[in-house]
Structures are given as C-alpha cells and as structure tokens.
C-alpha cells in the first residue's frame, strides 16, 4: 500500500510540474506590435520575453520622414499617461530602449502609438487595449 501511495504522489507531483511548465510557456509571449499611422511602430510587452522586460513599451521609427514615433502607456485605463517612449531627437531607423516598471498582473492597460513632429501630433494614432 505504501508503494501505491508513493506512486500516486509522484504522479501528482509530475503532473503539477507539467502544468507549471505549460503555464509558464503560454504566459511568456512575444511583444505585441502596434503600427503607427506611418513610419514606425510601438511595442507592448506584458511579460518578459527574450531580452525584452515585462510591463514595458518602446517606440521604433523606421523612416527618416521628419516624424517621430511616440508610445504612451495608460495603466488602469484611467486617462493618465503613466509611461512614454519617444524617438524624438533620434535619426531613423531607431528604437528606444524598453521603458519598464512593475504592473500588477491582470491590470488593464491602454497603449497608444502616434506620429509626432515639432509641436504636432498626428491625430489619435493606433490604440491597443491589453492587460499586464
């Protein structure tokens, strides 16, 4: 009887380990790309992936057209931009470093990607609703 109980414990432990590995691999996903209206894109990364930290944004300008790319993050979708990454002042092609900081898992976020030039912002840009 001890042998069968130990076997069950080992099977349950192995199953639990398998579930943990599966959850970790499905949670870790590539950064989500959000296209600007033109000339670049932004990225949102909820969970660490490769060299990209979790809860992070970055902006990438792909064309030397006089416009910069700006990525803004609104944590809790409360209307306040909590984090900004911009390519302003850099020559394209250029991607900003990741702008990161811990956000509680499951927190709703809004990511907006816009084209900016001088004092002008191309209206609205692209929007992504996600969760940390």
N, C-alpha and C. Protein backbone atom coordinates (compact mmCIF):
# COMPACT_ATOMS: atom_id res chain seq x y z
N UNK A 1 0.82 -1.19 0.00
CA UNK A 1 0.00 0.00 0.00
C UNK A 1 0.86 1.26 0.00
N UNK A 2 2.00 1.24 0.72
CA UNK A 2 2.89 2.38 0.73
C UNK A 2 3.41 2.65 -0.66
N UNK A 3 3.74 1.59 -1.39
CA UNK A 3 4.25 1.75 -2.76
C UNK A 3 3.24 2.43 -3.66
N UNK A 4 1.97 2.05 -3.58
CA UNK A 4 0.96 2.66 -4.45
C UNK A 4 0.71 4.11 -4.06
N UNK A 5 0.76 4.43 -2.76
CA UNK A 5 0.59 5.82 -2.33
C UNK A 5 1.74 6.69 -2.80
N UNK A 6 2.97 6.16 -2.72
CA UNK A 6 4.13 6.92 -3.18
C UNK A 6 4.07 7.12 -4.68
N UNK A 7 3.58 6.11 -5.40
CA UNK A 7 3.44 6.23 -6.85
C UNK A 7 2.45 7.32 -7.22
N UNK A 8 1.33 7.38 -6.47
CA UNK A 8 0.34 8.43 -6.72
C UNK A 8 0.91 9.81 -6.43
N UNK A 9 1.65 9.93 -5.36
CA UNK A 9 2.26 11.22 -5.02
C UNK A 9 3.23 11.65 -6.12
N UNK A 10 4.03 10.70 -6.60
CA UNK A 10 4.97 11.02 -7.68
C UNK A 10 4.22 11.43 -8.95
N UNK A 11 3.12 10.74 -9.26
CA UNK A 11 2.34 11.07 -10.46
C UNK A 11 1.71 12.46 -10.33
N UNK A 12 1.17 12.76 -9.13
CA UNK A 12 0.57 14.08 -8.92
C UNK A 12 1.63 15.16 -9.02
N UNK A 13 2.81 14.92 -8.42
CA UNK A 13 3.90 15.90 -8.49
C UNK A 13 4.34 16.11 -9.93
N UNK A 14 4.47 15.04 -10.69
CA UNK A 14 4.89 15.15 -12.10
C UNK A 14 3.84 15.92 -12.90
N UNK A 15 2.57 15.66 -12.65
CA UNK A 15 1.50 16.36 -13.35
C UNK A 15 1.52 17.85 -13.00
N UNK A 16 1.67 18.14 -11.71
CA UNK A 16 1.71 19.54 -11.29
C UNK A 16 2.89 20.26 -11.94
N UNK A 17 4.05 19.63 -12.00
CA UNK A 17 5.22 20.24 -12.63
C UNK A 17 4.94 20.50 -14.11
N UNK A 18 4.31 19.53 -14.77
CA UNK A 18 3.97 19.70 -16.19
C UNK A 18 3.04 20.88 -16.41
N UNK A 19 2.07 21.08 -15.51
CA UNK A 19 1.16 22.21 -15.64
C UNK A 19 1.89 23.53 -15.44
N UNK A 20 2.80 23.58 -14.49
CA UNK A 20 3.56 24.80 -14.25
C UNK A 20 4.37 25.16 -15.48
N UNK A 21 5.03 24.19 -16.08
CA UNK A 21 5.83 24.44 -17.28
C UNK A 21 4.94 24.93 -18.41
N UNK A 22 3.77 24.32 -18.58
CA UNK A 22 2.85 24.72 -19.64
C UNK A 22 2.36 26.15 -19.41
N UNK A 23 2.00 26.49 -18.20
CA UNK A 23 1.53 27.83 -17.91
C UNK A 23 2.63 28.85 -18.18
N UNK A 24 3.86 28.56 -17.76
CA UNK A 24 4.95 29.49 -17.98
C UNK A 24 5.20 29.72 -19.46
N UNK A 25 5.13 28.68 -20.27
CA UNK A 25 5.41 28.87 -21.68
C UNK A 25 4.27 29.57 -22.40
N UNK A 26 3.01 29.41 -21.95
CA UNK A 26 1.93 30.11 -22.61
C UNK A 26 1.84 31.56 -22.16
N UNK A 27 2.23 31.86 -20.92
CA UNK A 27 2.18 33.23 -20.44
C UNK A 27 3.24 34.07 -21.13
N UNK A 28 4.43 33.53 -21.32
CA UNK A 28 5.51 34.27 -21.94
C UNK A 28 5.26 34.37 -23.44
N UNK A 29 4.94 35.56 -23.90
CA UNK A 29 4.64 35.75 -25.32
C UNK A 29 5.47 36.90 -25.87
N UNK A 30 5.63 36.89 -27.18
CA UNK A 30 6.38 37.96 -27.84
C UNK A 30 5.71 39.30 -27.62
N UNK A 31 6.49 40.38 -27.66
CA UNK A 31 5.89 41.71 -27.57
C UNK A 31 4.86 41.92 -28.67
N UNK A 32 3.81 42.66 -28.35
CA UNK A 32 2.76 42.97 -29.33
C UNK A 32 3.13 44.25 -30.06
N UNK A 33 3.12 44.19 -31.37
CA UNK A 33 3.46 45.34 -32.20
C UNK A 33 2.19 46.11 -32.55
N UNK A 34 2.26 47.44 -32.41
CA UNK A 34 1.15 48.32 -32.74
C UNK A 34 1.69 49.31 -33.76
N UNK A 35 1.16 49.26 -34.98
CA UNK A 35 1.65 50.14 -36.04
C UNK A 35 1.24 51.59 -35.81
N UNK A 36 2.16 52.51 -36.11
CA UNK A 36 1.82 53.92 -36.17
C UNK A 36 1.05 54.14 -37.47
N UNK A 37 0.49 55.33 -37.65
CA UNK A 37 -0.22 55.60 -38.90
C UNK A 37 0.76 55.49 -40.06
N UNK A 38 2.00 55.95 -39.86
CA UNK A 38 3.04 55.81 -40.88
C UNK A 38 4.41 55.89 -40.23
N UNK A 39 5.41 55.29 -40.84
CA UNK A 39 6.81 55.47 -40.47
C UNK A 39 7.32 54.79 -39.23
N UNK A 40 6.60 53.87 -38.67
CA UNK A 40 7.12 53.19 -37.49
C UNK A 40 6.07 52.42 -36.73
N UNK A 41 6.42 52.05 -35.51
CA UNK A 41 5.53 51.23 -34.69
C UNK A 41 5.93 51.34 -33.23
N UNK A 42 5.06 50.84 -32.38
CA UNK A 42 5.33 50.73 -30.96
C UNK A 42 5.22 49.27 -30.55
N UNK A 43 5.77 48.95 -29.40
CA UNK A 43 5.66 47.59 -28.89
C UNK A 43 5.25 47.63 -27.42
N UNK A 44 4.38 46.70 -27.06
CA UNK A 44 3.95 46.49 -25.68
C UNK A 44 4.33 45.07 -25.31
N UNK A 45 4.98 44.91 -24.17
CA UNK A 45 5.39 43.60 -23.71
C UNK A 45 4.89 43.39 -22.28
N UNK A 46 3.86 42.57 -22.12
CA UNK A 46 3.28 42.32 -20.81
C UNK A 46 4.17 41.46 -19.94
N UNK A 47 4.80 40.45 -20.51
CA UNK A 47 5.63 39.51 -19.75
C UNK A 47 7.02 39.43 -20.36
N UNK A 48 8.03 39.14 -19.53
CA UNK A 48 9.40 39.03 -20.09
C UNK A 48 9.45 38.05 -21.26
N UNK A 49 10.20 38.44 -22.28
CA UNK A 49 10.38 37.57 -23.45
C UNK A 49 11.75 37.85 -24.03
N UNK A 50 12.63 36.88 -24.02
CA UNK A 50 13.99 37.08 -24.51
C UNK A 50 14.64 38.22 -23.74
N UNK A 51 15.14 39.22 -24.46
CA UNK A 51 15.78 40.36 -23.80
C UNK A 51 14.79 41.48 -23.47
N UNK A 52 13.52 41.30 -23.82
CA UNK A 52 12.51 42.32 -23.55
C UNK A 52 11.92 42.12 -22.15
N UNK A 53 12.01 43.14 -21.29
CA UNK A 53 11.43 43.00 -19.94
C UNK A 53 9.91 43.08 -19.98
N UNK A 54 9.27 42.57 -18.94
CA UNK A 54 7.81 42.63 -18.86
C UNK A 54 7.32 44.02 -18.50
N UNK A 55 6.03 44.24 -18.72
CA UNK A 55 5.38 45.52 -18.41
C UNK A 55 6.13 46.69 -19.03
N UNK A 56 6.47 46.55 -20.31
CA UNK A 56 7.32 47.55 -20.95
C UNK A 56 6.80 47.98 -22.32
N UNK A 57 7.20 49.20 -22.71
CA UNK A 57 6.88 49.74 -24.03
C UNK A 57 8.15 50.26 -24.67
N UNK A 58 8.13 50.35 -25.99
CA UNK A 58 9.20 51.04 -26.71
C UNK A 58 8.65 51.54 -28.03
N UNK A 59 9.33 52.55 -28.59
CA UNK A 59 8.93 53.16 -29.85
C UNK A 59 10.00 52.90 -30.89
N UNK A 60 9.59 52.64 -32.13
CA UNK A 60 10.53 52.39 -33.22
C UNK A 60 10.15 53.25 -34.43
N UNK A 61 11.11 54.05 -34.89
CA UNK A 61 10.94 54.90 -36.07
C UNK A 61 11.69 54.24 -37.21
N UNK A 62 10.99 53.92 -38.27
CA UNK A 62 11.60 53.18 -39.39
C UNK A 62 11.91 54.04 -40.61
N UNK A 63 11.40 55.29 -40.64
CA UNK A 63 11.60 56.13 -41.82
C UNK A 63 12.08 57.53 -41.45
N UNK A 64 13.07 58.04 -42.16
CA UNK A 64 13.56 59.41 -41.96
C UNK A 64 12.65 60.37 -42.71
N UNK A 65 11.45 60.60 -42.14
CA UNK A 65 10.43 61.41 -42.80
C UNK A 65 10.10 62.69 -42.03
N UNK A 66 10.88 62.98 -40.98
CA UNK A 66 10.62 64.17 -40.17
C UNK A 66 9.63 63.95 -39.04
N UNK A 67 9.01 62.78 -38.97
CA UNK A 67 8.08 62.46 -37.90
C UNK A 67 8.72 61.49 -36.92
N UNK A 68 8.42 61.65 -35.66
CA UNK A 68 8.88 60.73 -34.61
C UNK A 68 7.72 59.79 -34.26
N UNK A 69 8.06 58.74 -33.54
CA UNK A 69 7.05 57.81 -33.04
C UNK A 69 7.00 57.95 -31.52
N UNK A 70 5.78 58.03 -31.00
CA UNK A 70 5.60 58.14 -29.55
C UNK A 70 4.66 57.04 -29.09
N UNK A 71 5.06 56.32 -28.04
CA UNK A 71 4.23 55.27 -27.46
C UNK A 71 3.91 55.68 -26.03
N UNK A 72 2.62 55.67 -25.70
CA UNK A 72 2.18 56.05 -24.35
C UNK A 72 1.43 54.89 -23.71
N UNK A 73 1.66 54.70 -22.41
CA UNK A 73 1.03 53.63 -21.65
C UNK A 73 0.16 54.23 -20.55
N UNK A 74 -1.11 53.84 -20.53
CA UNK A 74 -2.07 54.27 -19.51
C UNK A 74 -2.39 53.05 -18.64
N UNK A 75 -1.83 53.02 -17.43
CA UNK A 75 -2.07 51.91 -16.51
C UNK A 75 -3.42 52.13 -15.83
N UNK A 76 -4.25 51.12 -15.78
CA UNK A 76 -5.62 51.13 -15.25
C UNK A 76 -6.61 51.82 -16.18
N UNK A 77 -6.15 52.28 -17.35
CA UNK A 77 -7.02 52.96 -18.31
C UNK A 77 -7.81 54.09 -17.66
N UNK A 78 -7.12 54.88 -16.82
CA UNK A 78 -7.77 55.97 -16.10
C UNK A 78 -7.61 57.33 -16.78
N UNK A 79 -7.03 57.35 -17.98
CA UNK A 79 -6.88 58.59 -18.72
C UNK A 79 -5.57 59.32 -18.47
N UNK A 80 -4.69 58.77 -17.64
CA UNK A 80 -3.39 59.37 -17.35
C UNK A 80 -2.30 58.56 -18.03
N UNK A 81 -1.46 59.24 -18.81
CA UNK A 81 -0.35 58.54 -19.45
C UNK A 81 0.75 58.36 -18.41
N UNK A 82 1.00 57.12 -18.02
CA UNK A 82 1.94 56.81 -16.95
C UNK A 82 3.37 56.57 -17.44
N UNK A 83 3.52 56.25 -18.71
CA UNK A 83 4.85 55.94 -19.25
C UNK A 83 4.86 56.36 -20.71
N UNK A 84 5.97 56.98 -21.15
CA UNK A 84 6.08 57.44 -22.54
C UNK A 84 7.45 57.04 -23.09
N UNK A 85 7.46 56.52 -24.31
CA UNK A 85 8.70 56.25 -25.06
C UNK A 85 8.60 57.01 -26.37
N UNK A 86 9.62 57.77 -26.70
CA UNK A 86 9.58 58.57 -27.93
C UNK A 86 10.92 58.51 -28.66
N UNK A 87 10.82 58.52 -29.98
CA UNK A 87 12.04 58.54 -30.81
C UNK A 87 12.46 59.96 -31.13
N UNK A 88 11.75 60.96 -30.61
CA UNK A 88 12.05 62.37 -30.86
C UNK A 88 13.54 62.65 -30.58
N UNK A 89 14.19 63.35 -31.53
CA UNK A 89 15.59 63.71 -31.37
C UNK A 89 16.57 62.67 -31.88
N UNK A 90 16.07 61.56 -32.40
CA UNK A 90 16.94 60.49 -32.92
C UNK A 90 16.71 60.33 -34.42
N UNK A 91 17.74 59.93 -35.12
CA UNK A 91 17.67 59.71 -36.56
C UNK A 91 17.17 58.29 -36.83
N UNK A 92 16.19 58.16 -37.72
CA UNK A 92 15.67 56.85 -38.12
C UNK A 92 16.69 56.13 -38.99
N UNK A 93 16.73 54.83 -38.92
CA UNK A 93 15.93 53.95 -38.08
C UNK A 93 16.46 53.94 -36.65
N UNK A 94 15.51 53.92 -35.70
CA UNK A 94 15.87 53.95 -34.28
C UNK A 94 14.73 53.37 -33.44
N UNK A 95 15.10 52.55 -32.47
CA UNK A 95 14.15 52.06 -31.46
C UNK A 95 14.64 52.52 -30.10
N UNK A 96 13.72 53.00 -29.28
CA UNK A 96 14.07 53.42 -27.93
C UNK A 96 14.40 52.19 -27.08
N UNK A 97 15.10 52.41 -25.98
CA UNK A 97 15.21 51.31 -25.01
C UNK A 97 13.81 51.01 -24.44
N UNK A 98 13.64 49.84 -23.86
CA UNK A 98 12.37 49.49 -23.23
C UNK A 98 12.16 50.39 -22.02
N UNK A 99 10.96 50.96 -21.89
CA UNK A 99 10.55 51.72 -20.71
C UNK A 99 9.71 50.76 -19.87
N UNK A 100 10.19 50.46 -18.67
CA UNK A 100 9.56 49.40 -17.90
C UNK A 100 9.34 49.79 -16.45
N UNK A 101 8.52 49.04 -15.78
CA UNK A 101 8.21 49.18 -14.36
C UNK A 101 7.15 48.16 -14.04
N UNK A 102 7.17 47.64 -12.84
CA UNK A 102 6.26 46.56 -12.48
C UNK A 102 4.81 47.03 -12.43
N UNK A 103 3.93 46.23 -13.04
CA UNK A 103 2.49 46.46 -13.00
C UNK A 103 1.85 45.16 -12.51
N UNK A 104 0.91 45.25 -11.60
CA UNK A 104 0.24 44.06 -11.06
C UNK A 104 -0.40 43.25 -12.19
N UNK A 105 -0.22 41.94 -12.14
CA UNK A 105 -0.79 41.05 -13.16
C UNK A 105 -2.29 41.28 -13.31
N UNK A 106 -2.76 41.31 -14.55
CA UNK A 106 -4.18 41.45 -14.85
C UNK A 106 -4.67 42.88 -14.90
N UNK A 107 -3.81 43.85 -14.57
CA UNK A 107 -4.21 45.26 -14.59
C UNK A 107 -4.51 45.68 -16.03
N UNK A 108 -5.65 46.33 -16.28
CA UNK A 108 -5.94 46.80 -17.64
C UNK A 108 -5.01 47.95 -18.02
N UNK A 109 -4.51 47.91 -19.25
CA UNK A 109 -3.66 48.98 -19.76
C UNK A 109 -4.15 49.41 -21.14
N UNK A 110 -3.78 50.65 -21.50
CA UNK A 110 -4.06 51.18 -22.83
C UNK A 110 -2.73 51.63 -23.40
N UNK A 111 -2.43 51.23 -24.63
CA UNK A 111 -1.20 51.63 -25.30
C UNK A 111 -1.59 52.40 -26.55
N UNK A 112 -1.05 53.62 -26.69
CA UNK A 112 -1.33 54.44 -27.87
C UNK A 112 -0.03 54.73 -28.59
N UNK A 113 -0.05 54.59 -29.91
CA UNK A 113 1.11 54.86 -30.76
C UNK A 113 0.74 55.99 -31.71
N UNK A 114 1.52 57.07 -31.68
CA UNK A 114 1.23 58.22 -32.54
C UNK A 114 2.48 58.68 -33.27
N UNK A 115 2.27 59.43 -34.33
CA UNK A 115 3.34 60.12 -35.05
C UNK A 115 3.39 61.53 -34.50
N UNK A 116 4.58 62.02 -34.18
CA UNK A 116 4.73 63.38 -33.68
C UNK A 116 5.82 64.09 -34.47
N UNK A 117 5.64 65.38 -34.66
CA UNK A 117 6.64 66.19 -35.36
C UNK A 117 6.53 67.63 -34.91
N UNK A 118 7.61 68.21 -34.39
CA UNK A 118 7.53 69.56 -33.85
C UNK A 118 6.54 69.58 -32.71
N UNK A 119 5.55 70.47 -32.79
CA UNK A 119 4.50 70.53 -31.78
C UNK A 119 3.25 69.78 -32.21
N UNK A 120 3.31 69.12 -33.35
CA UNK A 120 2.13 68.44 -33.90
C UNK A 120 2.12 66.96 -33.55
N UNK A 121 0.93 66.45 -33.31
CA UNK A 121 0.72 65.02 -33.13
C UNK A 121 -0.31 64.58 -34.15
N UNK A 122 0.05 63.58 -34.96
CA UNK A 122 -0.90 63.08 -35.94
C UNK A 122 -2.09 62.52 -35.17
N UNK A 123 -3.31 62.93 -35.49
CA UNK A 123 -4.47 62.63 -34.68
C UNK A 123 -4.60 61.15 -34.29
N UNK A 124 -4.73 60.96 -33.02
CA UNK A 124 -5.04 59.69 -32.35
C UNK A 124 -3.99 58.60 -32.52
N UNK A 125 -3.67 58.19 -33.73
CA UNK A 125 -2.75 57.07 -33.90
C UNK A 125 -3.46 55.75 -33.64
N UNK A 126 -2.70 54.73 -33.32
CA UNK A 126 -3.23 53.40 -33.10
C UNK A 126 -3.37 53.14 -31.62
N UNK A 127 -4.35 52.34 -31.26
CA UNK A 127 -4.65 52.06 -29.85
C UNK A 127 -4.73 50.57 -29.62
N UNK A 128 -4.16 50.13 -28.49
CA UNK A 128 -4.23 48.73 -28.10
C UNK A 128 -4.72 48.66 -26.66
N UNK A 129 -5.76 47.85 -26.41
CA UNK A 129 -6.21 47.60 -25.07
C UNK A 129 -5.71 46.21 -24.68
N UNK A 130 -5.09 46.11 -23.52
CA UNK A 130 -4.49 44.84 -23.11
C UNK A 130 -4.54 44.74 -21.58
N UNK A 131 -3.82 43.77 -21.06
CA UNK A 131 -3.67 43.58 -19.60
C UNK A 131 -2.21 43.28 -19.30
N UNK A 132 -1.78 43.73 -18.14
CA UNK A 132 -0.40 43.49 -17.70
C UNK A 132 -0.24 42.03 -17.33
